[in-house]
Amino acid sequence: MIDTLEPLTAPVTIDEIRARIGRLPRVPLALTPTPLQELPRLAEELGIGRLFVKRDDLTGLAFGGNKTRNLEFRMAEAVAQGAEVFIAGLEAQSNSARQTTAAANILGMQTILVLRKDREWDWQGNLLVDKVLG
């Protein structure tokens, strides 16, 4: 089990936060750092100064996304425990389900997705990718 960290007391510096994060178990899954892309036409349209977007869609794990960074920490505990199967309860068309399945595959684990089914879903979108990934 991952040890919990002591609560922070204010004020906290960015270096302290980075040091605490650095002590957490982590498995490398993301292609980082992801780039910042400037959007000059949108900035002009909005009448604002320079505008940038962080391209976390380029993290590289099953079409990317911000969930990859979280999975690096969540999967570390499963790896540390020697897990062979990763079970996750998620929405049927979830980006998280897609990325969780891809991460488990990379780490040699079988994935069991328990998906909420509030209606019939066609095998398309994220649900289709989940099925293809196993």
N, C-alpha and C. Protein backbone atom coordinates (compact mmCIF):
# COMPACT_ATOMS: atom_id res chain seq x y z
N MET A 1 0.84 -1.18 0.00
CA MET A 1 0.00 0.00 0.00
C MET A 1 0.88 1.24 0.00
N ILE A 2 0.49 2.25 -0.74
CA ILE A 2 1.24 3.49 -0.79
C ILE A 2 1.05 4.24 0.52
N ASP A 3 2.16 4.67 1.13
CA ASP A 3 2.07 5.45 2.35
C ASP A 3 1.47 6.81 2.03
N THR A 4 0.65 7.32 2.96
CA THR A 4 0.10 8.65 2.77
C THR A 4 1.12 9.68 3.25
N LEU A 5 1.08 10.83 2.64
CA LEU A 5 1.99 11.90 3.01
C LEU A 5 1.38 12.74 4.11
N GLU A 6 2.22 13.34 4.92
CA GLU A 6 1.75 14.24 5.97
C GLU A 6 1.08 15.45 5.33
N PRO A 7 0.04 16.01 5.98
CA PRO A 7 -0.62 17.20 5.43
C PRO A 7 0.36 18.37 5.30
N LEU A 8 0.13 19.19 4.30
CA LEU A 8 0.95 20.38 4.09
C LEU A 8 0.51 21.49 5.04
N THR A 9 1.44 22.31 5.43
CA THR A 9 1.10 23.50 6.21
C THR A 9 1.56 24.71 5.41
N ALA A 10 0.73 25.73 5.36
CA ALA A 10 1.01 26.92 4.56
C ALA A 10 2.08 27.76 5.24
N PRO A 11 2.85 28.53 4.52
CA PRO A 11 2.92 28.55 3.06
C PRO A 11 3.79 27.41 2.53
N VAL A 12 3.49 26.97 1.33
CA VAL A 12 4.21 25.87 0.70
C VAL A 12 4.84 26.39 -0.59
N THR A 13 6.08 26.04 -0.81
CA THR A 13 6.75 26.46 -2.04
C THR A 13 6.55 25.42 -3.13
N ILE A 14 6.73 25.84 -4.36
CA ILE A 14 6.62 24.91 -5.48
C ILE A 14 7.68 23.82 -5.38
N ASP A 15 8.85 24.15 -4.85
CA ASP A 15 9.90 23.14 -4.68
C ASP A 15 9.48 22.07 -3.68
N GLU A 16 8.77 22.46 -2.61
CA GLU A 16 8.28 21.48 -1.63
C GLU A 16 7.24 20.56 -2.27
N ILE A 17 6.37 21.14 -3.07
CA ILE A 17 5.35 20.34 -3.75
C ILE A 17 6.01 19.35 -4.71
N ARG A 18 6.96 19.82 -5.49
CA ARG A 18 7.67 18.93 -6.43
C ARG A 18 8.40 17.81 -5.70
N ALA A 19 9.01 18.14 -4.56
CA ALA A 19 9.72 17.12 -3.78
C ALA A 19 8.76 16.06 -3.27
N ARG A 20 7.59 16.47 -2.81
CA ARG A 20 6.60 15.50 -2.31
C ARG A 20 6.09 14.61 -3.44
N ILE A 21 5.80 15.21 -4.57
CA ILE A 21 5.36 14.42 -5.72
C ILE A 21 6.45 13.44 -6.14
N GLY A 22 7.70 13.89 -6.10
CA GLY A 22 8.83 13.04 -6.47
C GLY A 22 9.01 11.83 -5.58
N ARG A 23 8.48 11.87 -4.36
CA ARG A 23 8.60 10.73 -3.44
C ARG A 23 7.49 9.70 -3.64
N LEU A 24 6.47 10.04 -4.42
CA LEU A 24 5.37 9.10 -4.65
C LEU A 24 5.78 8.04 -5.67
N PRO A 25 5.35 6.79 -5.47
CA PRO A 25 5.61 5.76 -6.48
C PRO A 25 4.95 6.14 -7.81
N ARG A 26 5.67 5.89 -8.89
CA ARG A 26 5.18 6.31 -10.21
C ARG A 26 5.73 5.37 -11.27
N VAL A 27 4.90 5.02 -12.24
CA VAL A 27 5.37 4.26 -13.40
C VAL A 27 5.30 5.18 -14.62
N PRO A 28 6.33 5.18 -15.46
CA PRO A 28 6.33 6.08 -16.61
C PRO A 28 5.37 5.59 -17.70
N LEU A 29 4.40 6.41 -18.03
CA LEU A 29 3.44 6.09 -19.09
C LEU A 29 3.33 7.22 -20.12
N ALA A 30 3.51 8.45 -19.69
CA ALA A 30 3.30 9.61 -20.55
C ALA A 30 4.57 10.02 -21.28
N LEU A 31 4.38 10.54 -22.46
CA LEU A 31 5.47 11.18 -23.20
C LEU A 31 5.46 12.64 -22.77
N THR A 32 6.34 12.99 -21.87
CA THR A 32 6.35 14.34 -21.33
C THR A 32 7.74 14.96 -21.47
N PRO A 33 7.82 16.26 -21.45
CA PRO A 33 6.72 17.20 -21.28
C PRO A 33 5.95 17.36 -22.59
N THR A 34 4.66 17.60 -22.46
CA THR A 34 3.85 17.89 -23.64
C THR A 34 4.02 19.37 -23.98
N PRO A 35 3.89 19.71 -25.27
CA PRO A 35 4.17 21.09 -25.67
C PRO A 35 3.03 22.06 -25.35
N LEU A 36 3.42 23.33 -25.28
CA LEU A 36 2.45 24.43 -25.26
C LEU A 36 2.35 24.92 -26.70
N GLN A 37 1.12 25.10 -27.19
CA GLN A 37 0.93 25.57 -28.55
C GLN A 37 0.23 26.92 -28.50
N GLU A 38 0.81 27.90 -29.18
CA GLU A 38 0.20 29.23 -29.20
C GLU A 38 -0.97 29.24 -30.18
N LEU A 39 -2.03 29.95 -29.81
CA LEU A 39 -3.23 30.06 -30.63
C LEU A 39 -3.48 31.54 -30.96
N PRO A 40 -2.69 32.11 -31.88
CA PRO A 40 -2.79 33.54 -32.14
C PRO A 40 -4.12 33.98 -32.74
N ARG A 41 -4.70 33.17 -33.63
CA ARG A 41 -5.97 33.57 -34.25
C ARG A 41 -7.09 33.58 -33.23
N LEU A 42 -7.14 32.58 -32.33
CA LEU A 42 -8.17 32.56 -31.29
C LEU A 42 -7.98 33.71 -30.32
N ALA A 43 -6.73 34.00 -29.97
CA ALA A 43 -6.45 35.13 -29.08
C ALA A 43 -6.94 36.43 -29.70
N GLU A 44 -6.68 36.59 -31.00
CA GLU A 44 -7.15 37.79 -31.70
C GLU A 44 -8.68 37.86 -31.71
N GLU A 45 -9.32 36.74 -32.01
CA GLU A 45 -10.79 36.68 -32.03
C GLU A 45 -11.38 37.03 -30.66
N LEU A 46 -10.73 36.59 -29.60
CA LEU A 46 -11.21 36.86 -28.24
C LEU A 46 -10.80 38.24 -27.75
N GLY A 47 -9.91 38.90 -28.48
CA GLY A 47 -9.46 40.22 -28.09
C GLY A 47 -8.59 40.21 -26.84
N ILE A 48 -7.77 39.17 -26.74
CA ILE A 48 -6.89 39.05 -25.57
C ILE A 48 -5.44 39.01 -26.02
N GLY A 49 -4.53 39.00 -25.08
CA GLY A 49 -3.11 38.86 -25.38
C GLY A 49 -2.80 37.46 -25.87
N ARG A 50 -1.59 37.05 -25.70
CA ARG A 50 -1.16 35.73 -26.17
C ARG A 50 -1.94 34.63 -25.45
N LEU A 51 -2.29 33.58 -26.19
CA LEU A 51 -3.05 32.45 -25.65
C LEU A 51 -2.34 31.15 -26.03
N PHE A 52 -2.18 30.28 -25.04
CA PHE A 52 -1.53 29.00 -25.26
C PHE A 52 -2.43 27.88 -24.77
N VAL A 53 -2.30 26.70 -25.38
CA VAL A 53 -3.00 25.51 -24.91
C VAL A 53 -1.95 24.44 -24.62
N LYS A 54 -2.12 23.74 -23.51
CA LYS A 54 -1.22 22.64 -23.14
C LYS A 54 -1.69 21.40 -23.88
N ARG A 55 -0.86 20.77 -24.68
CA ARG A 55 -1.25 19.68 -25.57
C ARG A 55 -1.14 18.31 -24.89
N ASP A 56 -1.96 18.09 -23.86
CA ASP A 56 -1.96 16.79 -23.19
C ASP A 56 -2.58 15.69 -24.04
N ASP A 57 -3.17 16.06 -25.18
CA ASP A 57 -3.62 15.04 -26.12
C ASP A 57 -2.42 14.32 -26.74
N LEU A 58 -1.23 14.83 -26.53
CA LEU A 58 -0.01 14.24 -27.09
C LEU A 58 0.78 13.42 -26.07
N THR A 59 0.14 13.01 -24.98
CA THR A 59 0.85 12.21 -23.97
C THR A 59 1.19 10.82 -24.47
N GLY A 60 0.55 10.38 -25.56
CA GLY A 60 0.96 9.14 -26.20
C GLY A 60 0.24 7.88 -25.78
N LEU A 61 -0.54 7.91 -24.73
CA LEU A 61 -1.21 6.71 -24.24
C LEU A 61 -2.64 6.65 -24.76
N ALA A 62 -2.90 5.78 -25.73
CA ALA A 62 -4.26 5.56 -26.25
C ALA A 62 -4.94 6.87 -26.62
N PHE A 63 -4.35 7.60 -27.50
CA PHE A 63 -4.85 8.89 -28.01
C PHE A 63 -4.68 10.02 -27.01
N GLY A 64 -3.87 9.82 -26.01
CA GLY A 64 -3.50 10.89 -25.10
C GLY A 64 -4.62 11.38 -24.20
N GLY A 65 -4.30 12.38 -23.43
CA GLY A 65 -5.25 12.98 -22.51
C GLY A 65 -4.65 13.17 -21.14
N ASN A 66 -5.31 14.00 -20.35
CA ASN A 66 -4.77 14.34 -19.03
C ASN A 66 -4.85 13.18 -18.04
N LYS A 67 -5.60 12.15 -18.31
CA LYS A 67 -5.72 11.01 -17.39
C LYS A 67 -4.40 10.24 -17.27
N THR A 68 -3.55 10.33 -18.28
CA THR A 68 -2.30 9.58 -18.28
C THR A 68 -1.44 9.93 -17.07
N ARG A 69 -1.37 11.20 -16.73
CA ARG A 69 -0.54 11.63 -15.60
C ARG A 69 -1.05 10.99 -14.31
N ASN A 70 -2.37 10.95 -14.12
CA ASN A 70 -2.97 10.34 -12.94
C ASN A 70 -2.69 8.84 -12.91
N LEU A 71 -2.77 8.20 -14.06
CA LEU A 71 -2.55 6.76 -14.13
C LEU A 71 -1.12 6.37 -13.76
N GLU A 72 -0.16 7.25 -13.99
CA GLU A 72 1.22 6.95 -13.61
C GLU A 72 1.32 6.68 -12.11
N PHE A 73 0.50 7.35 -11.32
CA PHE A 73 0.50 7.15 -9.86
C PHE A 73 -0.43 6.01 -9.46
N ARG A 74 -1.63 5.94 -10.05
CA ARG A 74 -2.58 4.87 -9.70
C ARG A 74 -2.03 3.49 -10.03
N MET A 75 -1.40 3.37 -11.18
CA MET A 75 -0.88 2.07 -11.61
C MET A 75 0.36 1.67 -10.82
N ALA A 76 1.08 2.63 -10.27
CA ALA A 76 2.29 2.33 -9.51
C ALA A 76 1.97 1.44 -8.32
N GLU A 77 0.85 1.68 -7.67
CA GLU A 77 0.47 0.85 -6.52
C GLU A 77 0.16 -0.58 -6.97
N ALA A 78 -0.55 -0.71 -8.09
CA ALA A 78 -0.86 -2.05 -8.61
C ALA A 78 0.42 -2.80 -8.97
N VAL A 79 1.37 -2.12 -9.60
CA VAL A 79 2.65 -2.74 -9.95
C VAL A 79 3.40 -3.15 -8.68
N ALA A 80 3.42 -2.27 -7.68
CA ALA A 80 4.13 -2.56 -6.43
C ALA A 80 3.55 -3.77 -5.72
N GLN A 81 2.25 -4.00 -5.88
CA GLN A 81 1.60 -5.14 -5.25
C GLN A 81 1.66 -6.40 -6.11
N GLY A 82 2.26 -6.30 -7.29
CA GLY A 82 2.37 -7.46 -8.17
C GLY A 82 1.05 -7.84 -8.82
N ALA A 83 0.17 -6.88 -9.01
CA ALA A 83 -1.15 -7.16 -9.58
C ALA A 83 -1.04 -7.72 -10.99
N GLU A 84 -1.89 -8.69 -11.28
CA GLU A 84 -1.98 -9.25 -12.63
C GLU A 84 -3.23 -8.76 -13.34
N VAL A 85 -4.20 -8.27 -12.56
CA VAL A 85 -5.47 -7.78 -13.10
C VAL A 85 -5.75 -6.42 -12.48
N PHE A 86 -6.23 -5.48 -13.30
CA PHE A 86 -6.62 -4.16 -12.82
C PHE A 86 -8.11 -4.00 -13.10
N ILE A 87 -8.90 -3.78 -12.05
CA ILE A 87 -10.35 -3.63 -12.18
C ILE A 87 -10.70 -2.17 -11.96
N ALA A 88 -11.51 -1.61 -12.88
CA ALA A 88 -11.91 -0.21 -12.76
C ALA A 88 -13.39 -0.07 -13.09
N GLY A 89 -14.10 0.69 -12.29
CA GLY A 89 -15.51 1.00 -12.54
C GLY A 89 -15.62 2.39 -13.13
N LEU A 90 -16.11 2.48 -14.38
CA LEU A 90 -16.11 3.75 -15.09
C LEU A 90 -17.34 3.87 -16.00
N GLU A 91 -17.49 5.03 -16.61
CA GLU A 91 -18.56 5.25 -17.59
C GLU A 91 -18.22 4.52 -18.89
N ALA A 92 -19.25 4.11 -19.63
CA ALA A 92 -19.04 3.32 -20.84
C ALA A 92 -18.20 4.04 -21.89
N GLN A 93 -18.44 5.31 -22.12
CA GLN A 93 -17.69 6.06 -23.14
C GLN A 93 -16.58 6.90 -22.52
N SER A 94 -15.98 6.38 -21.47
CA SER A 94 -15.01 7.11 -20.68
C SER A 94 -13.62 7.16 -21.31
N ASN A 95 -13.03 8.35 -21.34
CA ASN A 95 -11.61 8.47 -21.72
C ASN A 95 -10.75 7.74 -20.71
N SER A 96 -11.16 7.77 -19.46
CA SER A 96 -10.41 7.12 -18.39
C SER A 96 -10.37 5.61 -18.60
N ALA A 97 -11.48 5.01 -19.03
CA ALA A 97 -11.51 3.57 -19.29
C ALA A 97 -10.54 3.22 -20.41
N ARG A 98 -10.54 4.01 -21.46
CA ARG A 98 -9.65 3.78 -22.61
C ARG A 98 -8.20 3.84 -22.16
N GLN A 99 -7.85 4.87 -21.42
CA GLN A 99 -6.45 5.02 -21.01
C GLN A 99 -6.05 4.01 -19.94
N THR A 100 -6.97 3.66 -19.04
CA THR A 100 -6.68 2.66 -18.01
C THR A 100 -6.36 1.32 -18.66
N THR A 101 -7.16 0.94 -19.65
CA THR A 101 -6.93 -0.32 -20.35
C THR A 101 -5.58 -0.32 -21.06
N ALA A 102 -5.26 0.78 -21.73
CA ALA A 102 -3.97 0.87 -22.42
C ALA A 102 -2.82 0.80 -21.43
N ALA A 103 -2.93 1.50 -20.30
CA ALA A 103 -1.87 1.49 -19.29
C ALA A 103 -1.66 0.09 -18.73
N ALA A 104 -2.76 -0.58 -18.41
CA ALA A 104 -2.65 -1.94 -17.87
C ALA A 104 -1.99 -2.87 -18.89
N ASN A 105 -2.34 -2.73 -20.16
CA ASN A 105 -1.71 -3.55 -21.20
C ASN A 105 -0.21 -3.31 -21.25
N ILE A 106 0.21 -2.06 -21.21
CA ILE A 106 1.63 -1.72 -21.24
C ILE A 106 2.36 -2.37 -20.07
N LEU A 107 1.69 -2.41 -18.91
CA LEU A 107 2.31 -2.94 -17.69
C LEU A 107 2.10 -4.44 -17.52
N GLY A 108 1.51 -5.10 -18.54
CA GLY A 108 1.35 -6.55 -18.51
C GLY A 108 0.20 -7.04 -17.64
N MET A 109 -0.77 -6.18 -17.38
CA MET A 109 -1.93 -6.58 -16.57
C MET A 109 -3.16 -6.74 -17.45
N GLN A 110 -4.01 -7.65 -17.05
CA GLN A 110 -5.32 -7.77 -17.68
C GLN A 110 -6.21 -6.68 -17.07
N THR A 111 -7.13 -6.15 -17.86
CA THR A 111 -8.06 -5.14 -17.36
C THR A 111 -9.46 -5.70 -17.35
N ILE A 112 -10.17 -5.46 -16.27
CA ILE A 112 -11.61 -5.74 -16.20
C ILE A 112 -12.28 -4.39 -15.98
N LEU A 113 -13.08 -3.97 -16.97
CA LEU A 113 -13.82 -2.72 -16.85
C LEU A 113 -15.24 -3.03 -16.43
N VAL A 114 -15.68 -2.42 -15.36
CA VAL A 114 -17.07 -2.49 -14.92
C VAL A 114 -17.69 -1.18 -15.37
N LEU A 115 -18.45 -1.24 -16.47
CA LEU A 115 -18.95 -0.02 -17.09
C LEU A 115 -20.42 0.21 -16.76
N ARG A 116 -20.73 1.44 -16.44
CA ARG A 116 -22.11 1.82 -16.17
C ARG A 116 -22.89 1.74 -17.48
N LYS A 117 -24.03 1.07 -17.41
CA LYS A 117 -24.83 0.90 -18.62
C LYS A 117 -26.22 1.46 -18.36
N ASP A 118 -26.39 2.74 -18.68
CA ASP A 118 -27.70 3.36 -18.50
C ASP A 118 -28.50 3.39 -19.79
N ARG A 119 -27.89 2.90 -20.87
CA ARG A 119 -28.57 2.76 -22.16
C ARG A 119 -27.75 1.83 -23.03
N GLU A 120 -28.28 1.46 -24.18
CA GLU A 120 -27.55 0.61 -25.11
C GLU A 120 -26.50 1.44 -25.84
N TRP A 121 -25.30 0.92 -25.93
CA TRP A 121 -24.22 1.60 -26.62
C TRP A 121 -23.81 0.80 -27.83
N ASP A 122 -23.59 1.47 -28.95
CA ASP A 122 -22.99 0.84 -30.11
C ASP A 122 -21.50 0.70 -29.86
N TRP A 123 -20.87 -0.26 -30.53
CA TRP A 123 -19.42 -0.43 -30.40
C TRP A 123 -18.74 0.64 -31.25
N GLN A 124 -18.64 1.83 -30.67
CA GLN A 124 -17.99 2.96 -31.34
C GLN A 124 -17.30 3.83 -30.30
N GLY A 125 -16.51 4.77 -30.77
CA GLY A 125 -15.84 5.69 -29.86
C GLY A 125 -14.95 4.98 -28.87
N ASN A 126 -14.91 5.51 -27.64
CA ASN A 126 -14.06 4.95 -26.59
C ASN A 126 -14.42 3.51 -26.27
N LEU A 127 -15.69 3.16 -26.33
CA LEU A 127 -16.11 1.80 -26.02
C LEU A 127 -15.49 0.81 -27.01
N LEU A 128 -15.43 1.18 -28.28
CA LEU A 128 -14.79 0.32 -29.28
C LEU A 128 -13.29 0.20 -29.02
N VAL A 129 -12.65 1.31 -28.67
CA VAL A 129 -11.21 1.26 -28.36
C VAL A 129 -10.97 0.37 -27.15
N ASP A 130 -11.83 0.48 -26.11
CA ASP A 130 -11.70 -0.40 -24.93
C ASP A 130 -11.74 -1.86 -25.35
N LYS A 131 -12.70 -2.20 -26.24
CA LYS A 131 -12.85 -3.59 -26.68
C LYS A 131 -11.60 -4.05 -27.46
N VAL A 132 -11.10 -3.20 -28.33
CA VAL A 132 -9.92 -3.54 -29.12
C VAL A 132 -8.69 -3.74 -28.22
N LEU A 133 -8.57 -2.90 -27.19
CA LEU A 133 -7.43 -3.00 -26.28
C LEU A 133 -7.51 -4.21 -25.36
N GLY A 134 -8.69 -4.81 -25.27
CA GLY A 134 -8.81 -6.01 -24.45
C GLY A 134 -9.59 -5.79 -23.21
